Amino acid sequence: MKTLHFRGIDPQKINKKSIAIVGSRMMTRYGREVVDKFVCDLVANGITTISGFMYGVDTEVATKTIEYGGKHIAVFGCGLDHIYPPENKKLYDQILSSGGSVVSEYEDSAKPSIWKFPQRNKIVVDLASIGVLVIEAGEDSGSLVTAKIAKKMGKKVWAVPGSINSRVSVGCNELIKSGDAEMAVGVADILGNRAQVTGGSKTKISQNFENKQEEQIYKALQLEPLDMDEIARKLNLNVVEIGTTLSIMGIKGLITESGGKYYLTT
């Protein structure tokens, strides 16, 4: 490995049990839920997470790792005097204050440039003792480049399957189909059956339903997100009749609404 510049904890001291998590910068709601599920359980098993500190999955992985009390290593594609993207300044501080590390192979004064970001993926992979997990990757995603680097370096690669209709799941599904990655639907697929599995933040949701209608709506949304008309049709209820129930479930934190559709809270 090249000589690394770092701030915070020496990355070599916290990467003995570590995994790199990469994915799309255009993360979907599904991707966010997957990150939450995996990171929660990885932290519960004492695993350090590693990312490239960019938008989307990278940022979400770092944020959730800190939220669950874990340690994160962020690998920069520039010198450490330049926080890029600048919107992650607060996250940068949180990584350091939580016992993590920010790392770069470049001199501190080196400015961000396009060619440096694919290059830093080698450091991301090299630091990962367990391997690489891909969460949402498009057909020509940089995450697929990282997966190829991992294979060349003899590291294990896992990918989370996604909808066949989602552009940001094409890469993950192809990795699994081609055999270049093992499918992972939970941390046990990575760490084995002895892994501690908490189920993610979904375990925090109260399911003490006040009436049968709440329970019916909750069960319907477990299958897929639905808009109000779709809920009404599935349950054979009047739209006006379920409006109040949906509002109450939202106040209780059981569901959220986005783009006209209702989702179970994660």
Protein backbone atom coordinates (compact mmCIF):
# COMPACT_ATOMS: atom_id res chain seq x y z
CA MET A 1 0.00 0.00 0.00
CA LYS A 2 1.13 3.53 -0.73
CA THR A 3 2.05 5.90 2.05
CA LEU A 4 -1.19 7.36 3.35
CA HIS A 5 -1.89 10.76 4.82
CA PHE A 6 -4.60 10.69 7.45
CA ARG A 7 -6.37 12.68 10.12
CA GLY A 8 -8.02 11.15 13.14
CA ILE A 9 -7.16 7.58 14.07
CA ASP A 10 -4.53 5.71 12.07
CA PRO A 11 -6.68 3.73 9.57
CA GLN A 12 -4.44 0.67 10.00
CA LYS A 13 -5.56 0.48 13.64
CA ILE A 14 -9.30 0.37 12.92
CA ASN A 15 -9.44 -1.62 9.67
CA LYS A 16 -8.68 -5.09 11.08
CA LYS A 17 -12.40 -5.88 10.76
CA SER A 18 -13.62 -3.61 7.99
CA ILE A 19 -15.72 -3.58 4.85
CA ALA A 20 -15.88 -1.11 1.97
CA ILE A 21 -19.40 -0.13 0.95
CA VAL A 22 -19.85 1.50 -2.44
CA GLY A 23 -22.83 2.49 -4.53
CA SER A 24 -24.66 5.03 -6.63
CA ARG A 25 -24.43 8.77 -6.10
CA MET A 26 -28.11 8.82 -7.19
CA MET A 27 -29.26 6.73 -4.25
CA THR A 28 -32.94 5.80 -4.14
CA ARG A 29 -35.16 5.34 -1.14
CA TYR A 30 -34.56 1.60 -1.45
CA GLY A 31 -30.81 2.20 -1.35
CA ARG A 32 -31.15 4.28 1.79
CA GLU A 33 -33.12 1.52 3.49
CA VAL A 34 -30.54 -1.09 2.46
CA VAL A 35 -27.70 1.04 3.83
CA ASP A 36 -29.55 1.42 7.12
CA LYS A 37 -30.15 -2.32 7.43
CA PHE A 38 -26.59 -3.38 6.64
CA VAL A 39 -24.73 -0.64 8.52
CA CYS A 40 -26.80 -1.17 11.67
CA ASP A 41 -25.84 -4.84 11.75
CA LEU A 42 -22.23 -4.30 10.69
CA VAL A 43 -21.69 -1.84 13.53
CA ALA A 44 -23.38 -4.28 15.94
CA ASN A 45 -20.72 -6.80 14.92
CA GLY A 46 -17.85 -4.38 15.46
CA ILE A 47 -17.13 -3.82 11.77
CA THR A 48 -15.54 -0.56 10.56
CA THR A 49 -17.08 0.79 7.34
CA ILE A 50 -15.11 2.40 4.52
CA SER A 51 -16.32 4.71 1.75
CA GLY A 52 -15.11 7.16 -0.88
CA PHE A 53 -16.85 10.11 0.85
CA MET A 54 -18.93 11.16 -2.17
CA TYR A 55 -22.64 11.85 -2.56
CA GLY A 56 -25.33 9.18 -2.25
CA VAL A 57 -24.42 5.80 -0.81
CA ASP A 58 -20.96 6.95 0.41
CA THR A 59 -22.40 9.78 2.47
CA GLU A 60 -25.26 7.66 3.79
CA VAL A 61 -22.90 4.87 4.88
CA ALA A 62 -20.70 7.29 6.83
CA THR A 63 -23.70 9.04 8.38
CA LYS A 64 -25.40 5.81 9.48
CA THR A 65 -22.16 4.33 10.82
CA ILE A 66 -21.71 7.31 13.12
CA GLU A 67 -25.41 7.30 14.06
CA TYR A 68 -25.14 3.67 15.20
CA GLY A 69 -21.95 4.31 17.16
CA GLY A 70 -19.46 2.78 14.73
CA LYS A 71 -16.18 3.90 13.18
CA HIS A 72 -15.79 5.00 9.58
CA ILE A 73 -12.83 5.47 7.26
CA ALA A 74 -13.38 8.02 4.46
CA VAL A 75 -10.93 7.88 1.57
CA PHE A 76 -10.48 11.19 -0.27
CA GLY A 77 -9.81 11.68 -3.96
CA CYS A 78 -7.86 14.83 -3.12
CA GLY A 79 -5.62 16.20 -0.36
CA LEU A 80 -6.98 16.43 3.16
CA ASP A 81 -6.93 20.23 3.11
CA HIS A 82 -9.82 20.07 0.62
CA ILE A 83 -13.12 18.67 1.88
CA TYR A 84 -14.91 17.41 -1.21
CA PRO A 85 -17.80 17.54 -1.60
CA PRO A 86 -17.89 20.71 0.56
CA GLU A 87 -21.40 19.83 1.76
CA ASN A 88 -19.80 17.05 3.80
CA LYS A 89 -17.84 19.38 6.10
CA LYS A 90 -20.05 18.51 9.08
CA LEU A 91 -19.74 14.80 8.28
CA TYR A 92 -15.95 15.17 8.06
CA ASP A 93 -15.91 16.55 11.62
CA GLN A 94 -18.25 13.81 12.85
CA ILE A 95 -16.05 11.06 11.41
CA LEU A 96 -13.05 12.39 13.31
CA SER A 97 -14.89 13.06 16.58
CA SER A 98 -16.37 9.53 16.56
CA GLY A 99 -12.98 7.82 16.38
CA GLY A 100 -12.80 7.38 12.63
CA SER A 101 -10.30 8.43 10.02
CA VAL A 102 -10.07 10.49 6.84
CA VAL A 103 -7.42 9.22 4.44
CA SER A 104 -5.69 10.22 1.21
CA GLU A 105 -2.71 9.07 -0.83
CA TYR A 106 -2.22 12.65 -2.01
CA GLU A 107 -0.39 15.54 -0.38
CA ASP A 108 -2.67 17.66 1.80
CA SER A 109 -2.68 20.54 -0.70
CA ALA A 110 -3.69 18.40 -3.73
CA LYS A 111 -6.91 19.71 -5.28
CA PRO A 112 -9.81 17.50 -6.42
CA SER A 113 -9.72 16.34 -10.04
CA ILE A 114 -11.74 13.76 -11.98
CA TRP A 115 -8.94 11.24 -12.51
CA LYS A 116 -8.11 11.05 -8.79
CA PHE A 117 -11.46 9.63 -7.72
CA PRO A 118 -11.26 6.31 -9.62
CA GLN A 119 -7.64 6.08 -8.44
CA ARG A 120 -8.62 6.35 -4.77
CA ASN A 121 -10.86 3.30 -5.17
CA LYS A 122 -7.74 1.14 -4.90
CA ILE A 123 -7.15 2.54 -1.41
CA VAL A 124 -10.80 1.95 -0.49
CA VAL A 125 -10.46 -1.72 -1.46
CA ASP A 126 -7.00 -2.21 0.01
CA LEU A 127 -8.12 -1.00 3.44
CA ALA A 128 -11.11 -3.37 3.51
CA SER A 129 -10.12 -6.56 5.34
CA ILE A 130 -13.44 -8.34 4.75
CA GLY A 131 -14.20 -7.21 1.22
CA VAL A 132 -16.52 -4.92 -0.74
CA LEU A 133 -20.30 -4.58 -0.61
CA VAL A 134 -22.04 -2.92 -3.58
CA ILE A 135 -25.38 -1.23 -2.90
CA GLU A 136 -27.09 0.20 -6.01
CA ALA A 137 -24.87 0.56 -9.08
CA GLY A 138 -25.81 1.63 -12.58
CA GLU A 139 -24.67 -0.13 -15.75
CA ASP A 140 -21.46 1.92 -16.08
CA SER A 141 -21.10 2.83 -12.42
CA GLY A 142 -17.79 3.63 -10.77
CA SER A 143 -18.85 1.09 -8.16
CA LEU A 144 -18.42 -1.64 -10.76
CA VAL A 145 -14.86 -0.43 -11.31
CA THR A 146 -14.29 -0.79 -7.57
CA ALA A 147 -15.72 -4.33 -7.69
CA LYS A 148 -13.29 -5.23 -10.50
CA ILE A 149 -10.39 -3.82 -8.51
CA ALA A 150 -11.47 -5.94 -5.54
CA LYS A 151 -11.57 -9.11 -7.65
CA LYS A 152 -8.09 -8.41 -9.01
CA MET A 153 -6.81 -7.87 -5.47
CA GLY A 154 -8.34 -11.15 -4.33
CA LYS A 155 -10.96 -9.50 -2.14
CA LYS A 156 -14.50 -10.83 -1.78
CA VAL A 157 -17.34 -8.90 -3.39
CA TRP A 158 -21.01 -8.91 -2.42
CA ALA A 159 -23.89 -7.12 -4.15
CA VAL A 160 -27.40 -6.35 -2.96
CA PRO A 161 -30.03 -7.23 -5.60
CA GLY A 162 -32.50 -4.60 -6.69
CA SER A 163 -35.54 -4.13 -8.89
CA ILE A 164 -35.10 -5.20 -12.52
CA ASN A 165 -36.86 -1.93 -13.42
CA SER A 166 -34.38 0.29 -11.58
CA ARG A 167 -31.46 1.79 -13.52
CA VAL A 168 -29.34 1.97 -10.37
CA SER A 169 -29.78 -1.75 -9.75
CA VAL A 170 -28.61 -2.94 -13.18
CA GLY A 171 -24.97 -3.13 -12.10
CA CYS A 172 -25.65 -5.03 -8.88
CA ASN A 173 -27.93 -7.51 -10.58
CA GLU A 174 -25.36 -8.11 -13.32
CA LEU A 175 -22.56 -8.67 -10.78
CA ILE A 176 -24.68 -11.38 -9.15
CA LYS A 177 -25.79 -12.89 -12.47
CA SER A 178 -22.24 -13.09 -13.81
CA GLY A 179 -20.88 -14.59 -10.60
CA ASP A 180 -18.55 -11.64 -10.02
CA ALA A 181 -20.28 -11.00 -6.71
CA GLU A 182 -22.14 -13.05 -4.15
CA MET A 183 -25.68 -11.99 -3.38
CA ALA A 184 -26.18 -10.38 0.02
CA VAL A 185 -29.60 -9.73 1.51
CA GLY A 186 -28.33 -9.39 5.06
CA VAL A 187 -25.14 -9.22 7.11
CA ALA A 188 -25.28 -12.98 7.77
CA ASP A 189 -24.49 -13.49 4.07
CA ILE A 190 -21.22 -11.66 4.67
CA LEU A 191 -20.23 -12.61 8.23
CA GLY A 192 -21.89 -16.02 8.48
CA ASN A 193 -24.77 -17.33 10.55
CA ARG A 194 -23.10 -16.40 13.83
CA ALA A 195 -23.38 -12.70 12.99
CA GLN A 196 -25.42 -10.58 15.34
CA VAL A 197 -28.46 -9.40 13.41
CA THR A 198 -30.56 -6.58 14.81
CA GLY A 199 -32.84 -6.06 11.83
CA GLY A 200 -31.91 -2.40 11.42
CA SER A 201 -33.90 0.54 12.70
CA LYS A 202 -37.16 -1.18 11.73
CA THR A 203 -37.05 -2.87 15.12
CA LYS A 204 -37.70 0.55 16.68
CA ILE A 205 -41.13 0.86 15.09
CA SER A 206 -44.06 0.40 17.42
CA GLN A 207 -46.64 -1.96 16.01
CA ASN A 208 -49.27 -1.46 18.68
CA PHE A 209 -52.14 -0.75 16.30
CA GLU A 210 -55.08 1.21 17.65
CA ASN A 211 -57.55 -0.44 15.28
CA LYS A 212 -57.86 -3.05 12.54
CA GLN A 213 -57.62 -0.43 9.77
CA GLU A 214 -54.13 0.60 10.92
CA GLU A 215 -53.03 -3.02 10.88
CA GLN A 216 -54.51 -3.59 7.41
CA ILE A 217 -52.74 -0.53 5.98
CA TYR A 218 -49.45 -1.51 7.63
CA LYS A 219 -49.61 -5.04 6.19
CA ALA A 220 -50.46 -3.69 2.71
CA LEU A 221 -47.44 -1.35 2.80
CA GLN A 222 -45.16 -4.21 3.83
CA LEU A 223 -45.55 -5.53 0.29
CA GLU A 224 -44.94 -2.26 -1.58
CA PRO A 225 -45.38 1.53 -1.33
CA LEU A 226 -48.90 2.64 -2.30
CA ASP A 227 -50.77 5.88 -2.88
CA MET A 228 -54.04 6.61 -1.12
CA ASP A 229 -56.23 5.40 -3.99
CA GLU A 230 -54.29 2.12 -4.23
CA ILE A 231 -54.65 1.54 -0.48
CA ALA A 232 -58.37 2.20 -0.70
CA ARG A 233 -58.80 -0.27 -3.57
CA LYS A 234 -56.73 -3.02 -1.90
CA LEU A 235 -58.64 -2.72 1.38
CA ASN A 236 -62.01 -1.98 -0.21
CA LEU A 237 -62.35 1.23 1.81
CA ASN A 238 -63.37 4.79 1.02
CA VAL A 239 -60.48 7.24 0.42
CA VAL A 240 -61.96 9.71 2.90
CA GLU A 241 -62.32 6.91 5.43
CA ILE A 242 -58.61 6.03 5.43
CA GLY A 243 -57.29 9.61 5.23
CA THR A 244 -57.51 10.19 8.97
CA THR A 245 -55.93 6.81 9.72
CA LEU A 246 -52.98 7.58 7.44
CA SER A 247 -52.48 10.93 9.16
CA ILE A 248 -52.46 9.31 12.59
CA MET A 249 -50.03 6.60 11.43
CA GLY A 250 -47.75 9.34 10.12
CA ILE A 251 -47.81 11.17 13.45
CA LYS A 252 -46.99 7.90 15.23
CA GLY A 253 -43.99 7.41 12.95
CA LEU A 254 -45.28 4.21 11.37
CA ILE A 255 -45.37 5.57 7.83
CA THR A 256 -44.03 8.42 5.73
CA GLU A 257 -45.32 9.98 2.51
CA SER A 258 -43.17 10.84 -0.49
CA GLY A 259 -44.24 11.64 -4.05
CA GLY A 260 -47.84 10.76 -3.23
CA LYS A 261 -46.97 7.25 -2.03
CA TYR A 262 -46.92 5.95 1.53
CA TYR A 263 -43.96 3.95 2.87
CA LEU A 264 -43.28 2.10 6.10
CA THR A 265 -40.87 4.09 8.20
CA THR A 266 -37.35 2.61 8.48
